[in-house]
Amino acid sequence: MFDGEIFEWRGPAPYHFVAMSEADSAELKEEARSLIYWGQVPVQVVIGGTEFRTALFPRDGRYLVPLKDAVRKAEDIGDGDVVTVVLRPARQPR
């Protein structure tokens, strides 16, 4: 579990993320070593009352938790808000 600020990253389309700390990212990388594919880690995430599956993206020594529009709308959260994120590694279906 960690707290992080939601930020928007503008690419071809805007995306919203919450960044894990470098220490938490390193710990997760070690714990989820067998699950990592293309540098991403599949996880089960809970923010508020919303639970969802996603894959963490590595960037600059940290993992980023992508937030879909549906999650942000369900929790009424947006850019600049600080949220508590609960996550656990999850095996991807084969």
Protein backbone atom coordinates (compact mmCIF):
# COMPACT_ATOMS: atom_id res chain seq x y z
CA MET A 1 0.00 0.00 0.00
CA PHE A 2 1.25 3.48 -0.79
CA ASP A 3 -0.01 7.04 -1.23
CA GLY A 4 0.71 8.88 -4.44
CA GLU A 5 -0.34 11.89 -6.46
CA ILE A 6 -2.22 11.43 -9.72
CA PHE A 7 -0.51 13.05 -12.68
CA GLU A 8 -1.29 13.35 -16.36
CA TRP A 9 1.21 12.29 -18.98
CA ARG A 10 0.55 13.60 -22.45
CA GLY A 11 1.42 11.35 -25.31
CA PRO A 12 -0.64 10.73 -28.41
CA ALA A 13 -3.53 10.56 -25.91
CA PRO A 14 -3.51 11.75 -22.29
CA TYR A 15 -3.01 9.11 -19.61
CA HIS A 16 -3.20 9.38 -15.84
CA PHE A 17 -0.85 7.57 -13.48
CA VAL A 18 0.19 7.26 -9.85
CA ALA A 19 3.93 6.68 -9.34
CA MET A 20 5.31 4.29 -6.75
CA SER A 21 8.40 5.35 -4.81
CA GLU A 22 11.76 4.02 -6.00
CA ALA A 23 12.06 1.86 -2.86
CA ASP A 24 8.57 0.36 -3.27
CA SER A 25 9.24 -0.19 -6.97
CA ALA A 26 12.51 -2.05 -6.27
CA GLU A 27 10.80 -4.22 -3.65
CA LEU A 28 7.92 -5.09 -5.99
CA LYS A 29 10.31 -5.85 -8.84
CA GLU A 30 12.09 -8.37 -6.62
CA GLU A 31 8.85 -9.95 -5.35
CA ALA A 32 7.27 -10.18 -8.81
CA ARG A 33 10.36 -11.26 -10.75
CA SER A 34 8.62 -14.31 -12.26
CA LEU A 35 5.62 -12.24 -13.42
CA ILE A 36 7.45 -9.44 -15.24
CA TYR A 37 7.02 -9.33 -19.02
CA TRP A 38 8.38 -6.58 -21.26
CA GLY A 39 9.29 -4.76 -18.04
CA GLN A 40 5.67 -4.61 -16.91
CA VAL A 41 4.20 -6.21 -13.79
CA PRO A 42 0.57 -7.45 -13.82
CA VAL A 43 -1.22 -6.35 -10.64
CA GLN A 44 -4.58 -6.25 -8.90
CA VAL A 45 -5.21 -2.69 -7.66
CA VAL A 46 -7.66 -1.17 -5.18
CA ILE A 47 -8.25 2.58 -4.97
CA GLY A 48 -11.09 3.53 -2.66
CA GLY A 49 -13.95 1.15 -3.42
CA THR A 50 -12.76 0.33 -6.95
CA GLU A 51 -10.76 -2.81 -7.71
CA PHE A 52 -9.20 -3.47 -11.11
CA ARG A 53 -6.42 -5.30 -12.94
CA THR A 54 -3.69 -3.54 -14.85
CA ALA A 55 0.02 -3.71 -15.60
CA LEU A 56 2.56 -1.38 -14.02
CA PHE A 57 4.87 0.48 -16.39
CA PRO A 58 8.52 1.06 -15.49
CA ARG A 59 9.80 4.62 -15.89
CA ASP A 60 12.90 6.27 -14.44
CA GLY A 61 13.41 3.60 -11.75
CA ARG A 62 9.80 3.65 -10.60
CA TYR A 63 6.63 1.80 -11.52
CA LEU A 64 3.62 3.77 -12.71
CA VAL A 65 0.05 2.63 -11.99
CA PRO A 66 -2.14 3.56 -14.97
CA LEU A 67 -5.60 4.88 -14.09
CA LYS A 68 -8.40 4.36 -16.59
CA ASP A 69 -11.08 7.01 -16.98
CA ALA A 70 -13.65 4.60 -15.47
CA VAL A 71 -11.61 4.30 -12.26
CA ARG A 72 -11.10 8.06 -11.97
CA LYS A 73 -14.80 8.72 -12.56
CA ALA A 74 -15.93 6.02 -10.09
CA GLU A 75 -13.72 7.48 -7.36
CA ASP A 76 -14.18 11.14 -8.40
CA ILE A 77 -10.42 11.68 -8.52
CA GLY A 78 -8.21 13.55 -10.94
CA ASP A 79 -4.92 15.24 -11.70
CA GLY A 80 -3.17 16.39 -8.50
CA ASP A 81 -5.27 14.32 -6.09
CA VAL A 82 -3.41 12.09 -3.63
CA VAL A 83 -4.80 8.56 -3.41
CA THR A 84 -4.05 5.44 -1.40
CA VAL A 85 -3.18 2.53 -3.70
CA VAL A 86 -3.31 -1.08 -2.58
CA LEU A 87 -1.78 -3.54 -5.02
CA ARG A 88 -0.61 -7.09 -5.26
CA PRO A 89 1.08 -8.97 -8.07
CA ALA A 90 -1.39 -10.90 -10.23
CA ARG A 91 -0.75 -13.64 -12.72
CA GLN A 92 -1.97 -12.84 -16.21
CA PRO A 93 -4.30 -15.38 -17.81
CA ARG A 94 -2.54 -17.51 -20.42
